Amino acid sequence: MKKIIIGFIVCFLAGVVIGFFFGKSDACKHDGVALVNEAIENFVAISADGPNIDVAALPVDNDGFIVLFNGTDLTGWRGYGMVVPPTSWEVSDGAIHLKGSGTGEAQVEGGGDLIFAHKFQNFELQLEYKISEGGNSGIFYLAQEVKDADGKEYLPIWQSCSEYQVLDNAKHPDAQLGFDGNRQAASLYDMIPAKPQNAKPAGEWNQAKIMVYKGTVVHGQNGANVLEYHLWTPKWTQMLQDSKFREGGDFPYAFNLLNNMGGENHEGYIGLQDHGDDVWYRNIRIKILD
């Protein structure tokens, strides 16, 4: 009897705590299993897509790739959670340039991540990037525009999608963090290292390739395929659990979003990261593989 009373008290108190933080006071059921389930449900993000464009009107090059950047302006691009491009991005010498804040992750006023305003499903993306000395950036894909469960604030773009790391391996400390080099250039950030690691030094142009086809993803850099993985599989789920995006971790929305990356239709945005450091992108093109 004493054990039953103690168990009831513990369950009751747990329900009160969960109710306080998540707005539910009846969560204590089935020996506490419902506590976890209801807590997770409170971290379901809300879709909040901004205006998109029809790519049918865009030019197609001789290789059958749709040209996403015309080399002169930001037509087709806008900020994540915005209707216009952030003021931190400009076009300079035929490249999209992020004017860095000089303070690392701290963005300049009016800054933010840049996305191409169309969702892609199966594709091969090709582009070139040049990172500044000691710089950090990234290329996002299958990204969603989502808000928190209250619908008040946009979640960071990286909580919904994979990131192809763009980095000065020689001088940025992220190159030495993570595990086995999985934060170096062309890696699946914080999850899979790019091997061989063939990035060129800061200030030089690198070729980047991202192929997504029915859940198979390949990263390429400077002519070599450097990693492969498979979305929506048990192995993918386990990789998430072993990463900073794990269930119940510091980013409670990220696990559910990434485990079902691309949402119901398995499609999403291409994005360029504002990480506060100067970076350049050019010759951005995509081939739809449907």
C-alpha atoms as a PDB file:
ATOM      1  CA  MET A   1       0.000   0.000   0.000  1.00  0.00           C
ATOM      2  CA  LYS A   2       2.823   2.417   0.891  1.00  0.00           C
ATOM      3  CA  LYS A   3       4.474   1.841  -2.515  1.00  0.00           C
ATOM      4  CA  ILE A   4       1.173   2.482  -4.298  1.00  0.00           C
ATOM      5  CA  ILE A   5       0.628   5.744  -2.414  1.00  0.00           C
ATOM      6  CA  ILE A   6       4.182   6.902  -3.124  1.00  0.00           C
ATOM      7  CA  GLY A   7       3.798   5.970  -6.801  1.00  0.00           C
ATOM      8  CA  PHE A   8       0.562   7.914  -7.007  1.00  0.00           C
ATOM      9  CA  ILE A   9       2.149  10.989  -5.420  1.00  0.00           C
ATOM     10  CA  VAL A  10       5.122  10.861  -7.811  1.00  0.00           C
ATOM     11  CA  CYS A  11       2.810  10.493 -10.785  1.00  0.00           C
ATOM     12  CA  PHE A  12       0.602  13.333  -9.593  1.00  0.00           C
ATOM     13  CA  LEU A  13       3.539  15.682  -9.054  1.00  0.00           C
ATOM     14  CA  ALA A  14       4.985  14.802 -12.456  1.00  0.00           C
ATOM     15  CA  GLY A  15       1.644  15.609 -14.033  1.00  0.00           C
ATOM     16  CA  VAL A  16       1.552  18.977 -12.308  1.00  0.00           C
ATOM     17  CA  VAL A  17       5.060  19.823 -13.517  1.00  0.00           C
ATOM     18  CA  ILE A  18       4.308  18.791 -17.093  1.00  0.00           C
ATOM     19  CA  GLY A  19       1.036  20.677 -16.927  1.00  0.00           C
ATOM     20  CA  PHE A  20       2.812  23.806 -15.756  1.00  0.00           C
ATOM     21  CA  PHE A  21       5.319  23.780 -18.615  1.00  0.00           C
ATOM     22  CA  PHE A  22       3.157  22.351 -21.388  1.00  0.00           C
ATOM     23  CA  GLY A  23      -0.355  23.417 -20.446  1.00  0.00           C
ATOM     24  CA  LYS A  24      -1.600  19.912 -19.615  1.00  0.00           C
ATOM     25  CA  SER A  25      -2.396  18.701 -16.111  1.00  0.00           C
ATOM     26  CA  ASP A  26      -3.820  15.259 -16.929  1.00  0.00           C
ATOM     27  CA  ALA A  27      -0.669  13.830 -18.469  1.00  0.00           C
ATOM     28  CA  CYS A  28       0.032  11.180 -15.851  1.00  0.00           C
ATOM     29  CA  LYS A  29      -1.339   7.960 -17.326  1.00  0.00           C
ATOM     30  CA  HIS A  30      -0.026   4.470 -17.912  1.00  0.00           C
ATOM     31  CA  ASP A  31       2.894   4.725 -15.501  1.00  0.00           C
ATOM     32  CA  GLY A  32       4.086   7.984 -16.968  1.00  0.00           C
ATOM     33  CA  VAL A  33       4.310   6.970 -20.658  1.00  0.00           C
ATOM     34  CA  ALA A  34       1.680   9.572 -21.583  1.00  0.00           C
ATOM     35  CA  LEU A  35       3.789  12.241 -19.894  1.00  0.00           C
ATOM     36  CA  VAL A  36       6.499  11.807 -22.510  1.00  0.00           C
ATOM     37  CA  ASN A  37       4.098  11.473 -25.442  1.00  0.00           C
ATOM     38  CA  GLU A  38       2.154  14.610 -24.566  1.00  0.00           C
ATOM     39  CA  ALA A  39       5.349  16.578 -24.007  1.00  0.00           C
ATOM     40  CA  ILE A  40       6.584  15.591 -27.468  1.00  0.00           C
ATOM     41  CA  GLU A  41       3.273  16.620 -29.038  1.00  0.00           C
ATOM     42  CA  ASN A  42       3.814  20.120 -27.714  1.00  0.00           C
ATOM     43  CA  PHE A  43       6.906  20.406 -29.910  1.00  0.00           C
ATOM     44  CA  VAL A  44       5.095  19.979 -33.220  1.00  0.00           C
ATOM     45  CA  ALA A  45       6.032  22.921 -35.433  1.00  0.00           C
ATOM     46  CA  ILE A  46       3.549  24.897 -37.519  1.00  0.00           C
ATOM     47  CA  SER A  47       4.090  25.276 -41.264  1.00  0.00           C
ATOM     48  CA  ALA A  48       4.477  28.942 -42.205  1.00  0.00           C
ATOM     49  CA  ASP A  49       5.558  29.098 -45.846  1.00  0.00           C
ATOM     50  CA  GLY A  50       6.089  32.498 -47.372  1.00  0.00           C
ATOM     51  CA  PRO A  51       5.536  33.401 -51.040  1.00  0.00           C
ATOM     52  CA  ASN A  52       6.965  30.973 -53.601  1.00  0.00           C
ATOM     53  CA  ILE A  53       7.634  31.160 -57.319  1.00  0.00           C
ATOM     54  CA  ASP A  54       7.029  28.942 -60.347  1.00  0.00           C
ATOM     55  CA  VAL A  55      10.386  27.769 -61.724  1.00  0.00           C
ATOM     56  CA  ALA A  56       8.887  27.061 -65.152  1.00  0.00           C
ATOM     57  CA  ALA A  57       9.792  30.587 -66.253  1.00  0.00           C
ATOM     58  CA  LEU A  58      13.455  30.287 -65.236  1.00  0.00           C
ATOM     59  CA  PRO A  59      16.185  29.663 -67.823  1.00  0.00           C
ATOM     60  CA  VAL A  60      17.490  26.141 -68.407  1.00  0.00           C
ATOM     61  CA  ASP A  61      21.127  25.686 -69.415  1.00  0.00           C
ATOM     62  CA  ASN A  62      22.537  23.290 -72.030  1.00  0.00           C
ATOM     63  CA  ASP A  63      22.950  20.540 -69.411  1.00  0.00           C
ATOM     64  CA  GLY A  64      19.279  20.639 -68.468  1.00  0.00           C
ATOM     65  CA  PHE A  65      19.816  22.490 -65.177  1.00  0.00           C
ATOM     66  CA  ILE A  66      17.504  25.265 -64.030  1.00  0.00           C
ATOM     67  CA  VAL A  67      19.490  28.423 -63.334  1.00  0.00           C
ATOM     68  CA  LEU A  68      18.643  29.598 -59.799  1.00  0.00           C
ATOM     69  CA  PHE A  69      20.946  32.635 -59.732  1.00  0.00           C
ATOM     70  CA  ASN A  70      21.179  34.939 -62.735  1.00  0.00           C
ATOM     71  CA  GLY A  71      24.471  36.530 -61.671  1.00  0.00           C
ATOM     72  CA  THR A  72      23.088  40.065 -61.487  1.00  0.00           C
ATOM     73  CA  ASP A  73      20.380  40.231 -58.797  1.00  0.00           C
ATOM     74  CA  LEU A  74      18.475  38.149 -56.246  1.00  0.00           C
ATOM     75  CA  THR A  75      15.435  37.367 -58.385  1.00  0.00           C
ATOM     76  CA  GLY A  76      13.742  34.272 -56.950  1.00  0.00           C
ATOM     77  CA  TRP A  77      15.460  34.571 -53.574  1.00  0.00           C
ATOM     78  CA  ARG A  78      14.067  35.831 -50.270  1.00  0.00           C
ATOM     79  CA  GLY A  79      14.863  35.632 -46.602  1.00  0.00           C
ATOM     80  CA  TYR A  80      13.807  32.717 -44.442  1.00  0.00           C
ATOM     81  CA  GLY A  81      10.551  33.846 -42.864  1.00  0.00           C
ATOM     82  CA  MET A  82      10.597  36.967 -45.036  1.00  0.00           C
ATOM     83  CA  VAL A  83       9.150  38.197 -48.324  1.00  0.00           C
ATOM     84  CA  VAL A  84      12.338  39.979 -49.481  1.00  0.00           C
ATOM     85  CA  PRO A  85      16.045  39.139 -49.239  1.00  0.00           C
ATOM     86  CA  PRO A  86      17.789  40.130 -45.985  1.00  0.00           C
ATOM     87  CA  THR A  87      19.906  43.265 -46.294  1.00  0.00           C
ATOM     88  CA  SER A  88      23.014  41.275 -45.336  1.00  0.00           C
ATOM     89  CA  TRP A  89      23.054  39.682 -48.794  1.00  0.00           C
ATOM     90  CA  GLU A  90      24.137  41.401 -52.012  1.00  0.00           C
ATOM     91  CA  VAL A  91      25.278  40.511 -55.513  1.00  0.00           C
ATOM     92  CA  SER A  92      28.921  41.349 -56.164  1.00  0.00           C
ATOM     93  CA  ASP A  93      31.085  40.371 -59.158  1.00  0.00           C
ATOM     94  CA  GLY A  94      28.617  37.752 -60.321  1.00  0.00           C
ATOM     95  CA  ALA A  95      28.262  36.084 -56.921  1.00  0.00           C
ATOM     96  CA  ILE A  96      25.827  36.166 -54.014  1.00  0.00           C
ATOM     97  CA  HIS A  97      27.805  37.660 -51.145  1.00  0.00           C
ATOM     98  CA  LEU A  98      27.000  37.675 -47.452  1.00  0.00           C
ATOM     99  CA  LYS A  99      28.337  40.851 -45.883  1.00  0.00           C
ATOM    100  CA  GLY A 100      29.579  39.398 -42.610  1.00  0.00           C
ATOM    101  CA  SER A 101      29.088  41.065 -39.260  1.00  0.00           C
ATOM    102  CA  GLY A 102      32.662  40.300 -38.234  1.00  0.00           C
ATOM    103  CA  THR A 103      31.340  38.848 -34.977  1.00  0.00           C
ATOM    104  CA  GLY A 104      30.787  35.211 -35.871  1.00  0.00           C
ATOM    105  CA  GLU A 105      27.237  33.988 -35.340  1.00  0.00           C
ATOM    106  CA  ALA A 106      25.954  37.467 -34.523  1.00  0.00           C
ATOM    107  CA  GLN A 107      24.152  38.663 -37.644  1.00  0.00           C
ATOM    108  CA  VAL A 108      24.022  42.273 -38.726  1.00  0.00           C
ATOM    109  CA  GLU A 109      20.727  44.103 -38.279  1.00  0.00           C
ATOM    110  CA  GLY A 110      18.423  43.057 -41.089  1.00  0.00           C
ATOM    111  CA  GLY A 111      20.411  39.861 -41.673  1.00  0.00           C
ATOM    112  CA  GLY A 112      19.186  36.290 -41.932  1.00  0.00           C
ATOM    113  CA  ASP A 113      19.360  33.138 -43.996  1.00  0.00           C
ATOM    114  CA  LEU A 114      18.623  33.338 -47.725  1.00  0.00           C
ATOM    115  CA  ILE A 115      16.357  30.777 -49.431  1.00  0.00           C
ATOM    116  CA  PHE A 116      15.302  30.146 -52.999  1.00  0.00           C
ATOM    117  CA  ALA A 117      11.527  30.560 -53.051  1.00  0.00           C
ATOM    118  CA  HIS A 118      10.531  27.152 -54.391  1.00  0.00           C
ATOM    119  CA  LYS A 119      10.404  23.698 -52.821  1.00  0.00           C
ATOM    120  CA  PHE A 120      12.314  20.885 -54.524  1.00  0.00           C
ATOM    121  CA  GLN A 121      11.907  17.149 -53.985  1.00  0.00           C
ATOM    122  CA  ASN A 122      14.298  14.995 -56.060  1.00  0.00           C
ATOM    123  CA  PHE A 123      17.172  17.000 -57.500  1.00  0.00           C
ATOM    124  CA  GLU A 124      20.858  17.544 -58.126  1.00  0.00           C
ATOM    125  CA  LEU A 125      22.059  20.937 -56.925  1.00  0.00           C
ATOM    126  CA  GLN A 126      25.374  22.321 -58.160  1.00  0.00           C
ATOM    127  CA  LEU A 127      27.089  25.548 -57.154  1.00  0.00           C
ATOM    128  CA  GLU A 128      30.397  27.083 -56.210  1.00  0.00           C
ATOM    129  CA  TYR A 129      31.289  28.618 -52.847  1.00  0.00           C
ATOM    130  CA  LYS A 130      34.172  30.661 -51.454  1.00  0.00           C
ATOM    131  CA  ILE A 131      34.569  31.123 -47.709  1.00  0.00           C
ATOM    132  CA  SER A 132      36.422  33.958 -45.998  1.00  0.00           C
ATOM    133  CA  GLU A 133      39.419  33.354 -43.732  1.00  0.00           C
ATOM    134  CA  GLY A 134      38.171  31.794 -40.506  1.00  0.00           C
ATOM    135  CA  GLY A 135      34.656  31.766 -41.947  1.00  0.00           C
ATOM    136  CA  ASN A 136      31.637  29.522 -41.423  1.00  0.00           C
ATOM    137  CA  SER A 137      28.455  29.093 -43.485  1.00  0.00           C
ATOM    138  CA  GLY A 138      26.301  26.305 -44.846  1.00  0.00           C
ATOM    139  CA  ILE A 139      23.997  25.142 -47.620  1.00  0.00           C
ATOM    140  CA  PHE A 140      20.570  23.945 -46.472  1.00  0.00           C
ATOM    141  CA  TYR A 141      18.273  21.620 -48.397  1.00  0.00           C
ATOM    142  CA  LEU A 142      14.791  20.155 -47.908  1.00  0.00           C
ATOM    143  CA  ALA A 143      14.249  23.053 -45.495  1.00  0.00           C
ATOM    144  CA  GLN A 144      10.843  24.084 -44.164  1.00  0.00           C
ATOM    145  CA  GLU A 145       9.570  27.454 -43.010  1.00  0.00           C
ATOM    146  CA  VAL A 146       8.094  26.586 -39.626  1.00  0.00           C
ATOM    147  CA  LYS A 147       7.075  28.316 -36.422  1.00  0.00           C
ATOM    148  CA  ASP A 148       6.944  27.042 -32.864  1.00  0.00           C
ATOM    149  CA  ALA A 149       3.811  25.386 -31.504  1.00  0.00           C
ATOM    150  CA  ASP A 150       2.407  28.764 -30.481  1.00  0.00           C
ATOM    151  CA  GLY A 151       2.868  30.131 -33.984  1.00  0.00           C
ATOM    152  CA  LYS A 152       4.712  33.165 -32.619  1.00  0.00           C
ATOM    153  CA  GLU A 153       8.315  32.740 -33.747  1.00  0.00           C
ATOM    154  CA  TYR A 154      10.092  31.097 -36.660  1.00  0.00           C
ATOM    155  CA  LEU A 155      12.337  28.221 -35.654  1.00  0.00           C
ATOM    156  CA  PRO A 156      15.919  28.405 -36.966  1.00  0.00           C
ATOM    157  CA  ILE A 157      16.075  26.915 -40.444  1.00  0.00           C
ATOM    158  CA  TRP A 158      18.673  24.316 -39.421  1.00  0.00           C
ATOM    159  CA  GLN A 159      16.164  22.628 -37.122  1.00  0.00           C
ATOM    160  CA  SER A 160      14.167  21.374 -40.117  1.00  0.00           C
ATOM    161  CA  CYS A 161      16.811  20.332 -42.640  1.00  0.00           C
ATOM    162  CA  SER A 162      20.240  18.972 -43.433  1.00  0.00           C
ATOM    163  CA  GLU A 163      23.231  21.268 -43.750  1.00  0.00           C
ATOM    164  CA  TYR A 164      26.148  20.924 -46.145  1.00  0.00           C
ATOM    165  CA  GLN A 165      28.908  22.536 -44.117  1.00  0.00           C
ATOM    166  CA  VAL A 166      30.861  25.440 -45.604  1.00  0.00           C
ATOM    167  CA  LEU A 167      33.957  26.180 -43.534  1.00  0.00           C
ATOM    168  CA  ASP A 168      37.533  27.373 -43.457  1.00  0.00           C
ATOM    169  CA  ASN A 169      38.925  24.099 -42.115  1.00  0.00           C
ATOM    170  CA  ALA A 170      42.291  25.646 -41.346  1.00  0.00           C
ATOM    171  CA  LYS A 171      41.187  28.452 -39.041  1.00  0.00           C
ATOM    172  CA  HIS A 172      37.615  27.996 -37.844  1.00  0.00           C
ATOM    173  CA  PRO A 173      37.460  26.027 -34.553  1.00  0.00           C
ATOM    174  CA  ASP A 174      34.400  24.047 -35.702  1.00  0.00           C
ATOM    175  CA  ALA A 175      36.768  21.976 -37.851  1.00  0.00           C
ATOM    176  CA  GLN A 176      38.191  20.461 -34.654  1.00  0.00           C
ATOM    177  CA  LEU A 177      34.840  19.924 -32.941  1.00  0.00           C
ATOM    178  CA  GLY A 178      32.163  17.312 -33.471  1.00  0.00           C
ATOM    179  CA  PHE A 179      33.367  13.777 -34.221  1.00  0.00           C
ATOM    180  CA  ASP A 180      35.812  12.501 -36.844  1.00  0.00           C
ATOM    181  CA  GLY A 181      35.695  15.764 -38.802  1.00  0.00           C
ATOM    182  CA  ASN A 182      31.916  15.852 -39.207  1.00  0.00           C
ATOM    183  CA  ARG A 183      31.897  19.646 -38.974  1.00  0.00           C
ATOM    184  CA  GLN A 184      34.423  20.210 -41.743  1.00  0.00           C
ATOM    185  CA  ALA A 185      33.628  21.412 -45.253  1.00  0.00           C
ATOM    186  CA  ALA A 186      31.059  19.374 -47.250  1.00  0.00           C
ATOM    187  CA  SER A 187      30.161  17.267 -44.199  1.00  0.00           C
ATOM    188  CA  LEU A 188      26.591  16.605 -43.176  1.00  0.00           C
ATOM    189  CA  TYR A 189      26.909  18.996 -40.266  1.00  0.00           C
ATOM    190  CA  ASP A 190      27.538  17.263 -36.928  1.00  0.00           C
ATOM    191  CA  MET A 191      26.578  13.861 -38.348  1.00  0.00           C
ATOM    192  CA  ILE A 192      28.704  12.496 -41.223  1.00  0.00           C
ATOM    193  CA  PRO A 193      32.238  13.638 -42.153  1.00  0.00           C
ATOM    194  CA  ALA A 194      33.153  14.369 -45.760  1.00  0.00           C
ATOM    195  CA  LYS A 195      35.796  11.894 -46.943  1.00  0.00           C
ATOM    196  CA  PRO A 196      38.055  12.558 -48.669  1.00  0.00           C
ATOM    197  CA  GLN A 197      38.313  16.036 -47.172  1.00  0.00           C
ATOM    198  CA  ASN A 198      39.287  17.945 -50.294  1.00  0.00           C
ATOM    199  CA  ALA A 199      38.186  21.529 -49.594  1.00  0.00           C
ATOM    200  CA  LYS A 200      40.338  24.297 -51.012  1.00  0.00           C
ATOM    201  CA  PRO A 201      41.742  27.001 -48.716  1.00  0.00           C
ATOM    202  CA  ALA A 202      39.787  30.103 -47.715  1.00  0.00           C
ATOM    203  CA  GLY A 203      39.496  32.594 -50.569  1.00  0.00           C
ATOM    204  CA  GLU A 204      39.421  29.913 -53.296  1.00  0.00           C
ATOM    205  CA  TRP A 205      36.358  28.642 -55.124  1.00  0.00           C
ATOM    206  CA  ASN A 206      35.056  25.163 -54.338  1.00  0.00           C
ATOM    207  CA  GLN A 207      32.582  23.112 -56.353  1.00  0.00           C
ATOM    208  CA  ALA A 208      29.671  21.728 -54.314  1.00  0.00           C
ATOM    209  CA  LYS A 209      27.091  19.112 -55.289  1.00  0.00           C
ATOM    210  CA  ILE A 210      24.056  17.854 -53.385  1.00  0.00           C
ATOM    211  CA  MET A 211      21.957  15.048 -54.870  1.00  0.00           C
ATOM    212  CA  VAL A 212      18.658  13.983 -53.301  1.00  0.00           C
ATOM    213  CA  TYR A 213      16.664  11.137 -54.839  1.00  0.00           C
ATOM    214  CA  LYS A 214      13.911   9.262 -52.993  1.00  0.00           C
ATOM    215  CA  GLY A 215      15.731   9.645 -49.712  1.00  0.00           C
ATOM    216  CA  THR A 216      19.233   8.851 -50.941  1.00  0.00           C
ATOM    217  CA  VAL A 217      21.496  11.863 -50.410  1.00  0.00           C
ATOM    218  CA  VAL A 218      25.013  12.394 -51.781  1.00  0.00           C
ATOM    219  CA  HIS A 219      27.381  15.281 -51.052  1.00  0.00           C
ATOM    220  CA  GLY A 220      30.093  16.070 -53.567  1.00  0.00           C
ATOM    221  CA  GLN A 221      33.005  18.487 -53.380  1.00  0.00           C
ATOM    222  CA  ASN A 222      35.550  19.432 -56.024  1.00  0.00           C
ATOM    223  CA  GLY A 223      34.711  16.515 -58.293  1.00  0.00           C
ATOM    224  CA  ALA A 224      34.534  13.767 -55.651  1.00  0.00           C
ATOM    225  CA  ASN A 225      31.563  12.228 -53.870  1.00  0.00           C
ATOM    226  CA  VAL A 226      32.407  12.638 -50.192  1.00  0.00           C
ATOM    227  CA  LEU A 227      29.425  11.091 -48.350  1.00  0.00           C
ATOM    228  CA  GLU A 228      26.130   9.258 -48.797  1.00  0.00           C
ATOM    229  CA  TYR A 229      23.202   8.639 -46.457  1.00  0.00           C
ATOM    230  CA  HIS A 230      19.538   7.631 -46.566  1.00  0.00           C
ATOM    231  CA  LEU A 231      16.663   9.617 -45.121  1.00  0.00           C
ATOM    232  CA  TRP A 232      13.553   8.216 -43.405  1.00  0.00           C
ATOM    233  CA  THR A 233      15.256   4.959 -42.398  1.00  0.00           C
ATOM    234  CA  PRO A 234      15.971   3.455 -38.947  1.00  0.00           C
ATOM    235  CA  LYS A 235      19.647   4.291 -39.452  1.00  0.00           C
ATOM    236  CA  TRP A 236      18.748   7.938 -40.105  1.00  0.00           C
ATOM    237  CA  THR A 237      16.684   8.037 -36.925  1.00  0.00           C
ATOM    238  CA  GLN A 238      19.577   6.552 -34.968  1.00  0.00           C
ATOM    239  CA  MET A 239      21.989   9.114 -36.414  1.00  0.00           C
ATOM    240  CA  LEU A 240      19.712  11.862 -35.198  1.00  0.00           C
ATOM    241  CA  GLN A 241      19.557  10.300 -31.743  1.00  0.00           C
ATOM    242  CA  ASP A 242      23.368  10.253 -31.642  1.00  0.00           C
ATOM    243  CA  SER A 243      23.641  13.921 -32.617  1.00  0.00           C
ATOM    244  CA  LYS A 244      22.893  17.340 -31.116  1.00  0.00           C
ATOM    245  CA  PHE A 245      19.417  17.013 -32.674  1.00  0.00           C
ATOM    246  CA  ARG A 246      18.440  14.031 -30.504  1.00  0.00           C
ATOM    247  CA  GLU A 247      14.963  13.568 -29.098  1.00  0.00           C
ATOM    248  CA  GLY A 248      14.583  15.380 -25.789  1.00  0.00           C
ATOM    249  CA  GLY A 249      17.783  17.347 -26.362  1.00  0.00           C
ATOM    250  CA  ASP A 250      18.533  21.053 -26.407  1.00  0.00           C
ATOM    251  CA  PHE A 251      16.464  21.612 -29.578  1.00  0.00           C
ATOM    252  CA  PRO A 252      13.111  19.951 -28.838  1.00  0.00           C
ATOM    253  CA  TYR A 253      11.534  20.647 -32.238  1.00  0.00           C
ATOM    254  CA  ALA A 254      14.488  19.476 -34.307  1.00  0.00           C
ATOM    255  CA  PHE A 255      14.197  15.723 -33.891  1.00  0.00           C
ATOM    256  CA  ASN A 256      10.629  15.446 -35.198  1.00  0.00           C
ATOM    257  CA  LEU A 257      11.306  17.848 -38.065  1.00  0.00           C
ATOM    258  CA  LEU A 258      14.510  16.127 -39.153  1.00  0.00           C
ATOM    259  CA  ASN A 259      13.185  12.608 -38.706  1.00  0.00           C
ATOM    260  CA  ASN A 260      10.501  13.496 -41.259  1.00  0.00           C
ATOM    261  CA  MET A 261      12.668  15.885 -43.230  1.00  0.00           C
ATOM    262  CA  GLY A 262      10.891  17.454 -46.167  1.00  0.00           C
ATOM    263  CA  GLY A 263       7.510  17.085 -44.520  1.00  0.00           C
ATOM    264  CA  GLU A 264       4.559  15.187 -45.954  1.00  0.00           C
ATOM    265  CA  ASN A 265       5.673  15.684 -49.567  1.00  0.00           C
ATOM    266  CA  HIS A 266       9.390  15.145 -48.887  1.00  0.00           C
ATOM    267  CA  GLU A 267      10.310  18.470 -50.447  1.00  0.00           C
ATOM    268  CA  GLY A 268      11.823  21.704 -49.224  1.00  0.00           C
ATOM    269  CA  TYR A 269      13.816  24.869 -49.812  1.00  0.00           C
ATOM    270  CA  ILE A 270      17.434  25.412 -50.774  1.00  0.00           C
ATOM    271  CA  GLY A 271      19.026  27.873 -48.341  1.00  0.00           C
ATOM    272  CA  LEU A 272      22.282  29.757 -47.760  1.00  0.00           C
ATOM    273  CA  GLN A 273      23.311  30.405 -44.176  1.00  0.00           C
ATOM    274  CA  ASP A 274      24.026  33.752 -42.597  1.00  0.00           C
ATOM    275  CA  HIS A 275      26.542  32.691 -39.947  1.00  0.00           C
ATOM    276  CA  GLY A 276      27.986  36.163 -39.618  1.00  0.00           C
ATOM    277  CA  ASP A 277      31.059  35.508 -41.808  1.00  0.00           C
ATOM    278  CA  ASP A 278      31.685  36.658 -45.361  1.00  0.00           C
ATOM    279  CA  VAL A 279      30.909  33.971 -47.913  1.00  0.00           C
ATOM    280  CA  TRP A 280      30.256  33.926 -51.658  1.00  0.00           C
ATOM    281  CA  TYR A 281      28.086  31.633 -53.842  1.00  0.00           C
ATOM    282  CA  ARG A 282      27.832  31.545 -57.615  1.00  0.00           C
ATOM    283  CA  ASN A 283      26.810  29.381 -60.616  1.00  0.00           C
ATOM    284  CA  ILE A 284      23.855  27.998 -58.684  1.00  0.00           C
ATOM    285  CA  ARG A 285      21.807  25.558 -60.729  1.00  0.00           C
ATOM    286  CA  ILE A 286      19.517  22.576 -60.134  1.00  0.00           C
ATOM    287  CA  LYS A 287      18.275  19.608 -62.141  1.00  0.00           C
ATOM    288  CA  ILE A 288      14.945  18.096 -61.127  1.00  0.00           C
ATOM    289  CA  LEU A 289      15.202  14.303 -61.025  1.00  0.00           C
ATOM    290  CA  ASP A 290      11.503  13.385 -60.888  1.00  0.00           C
END
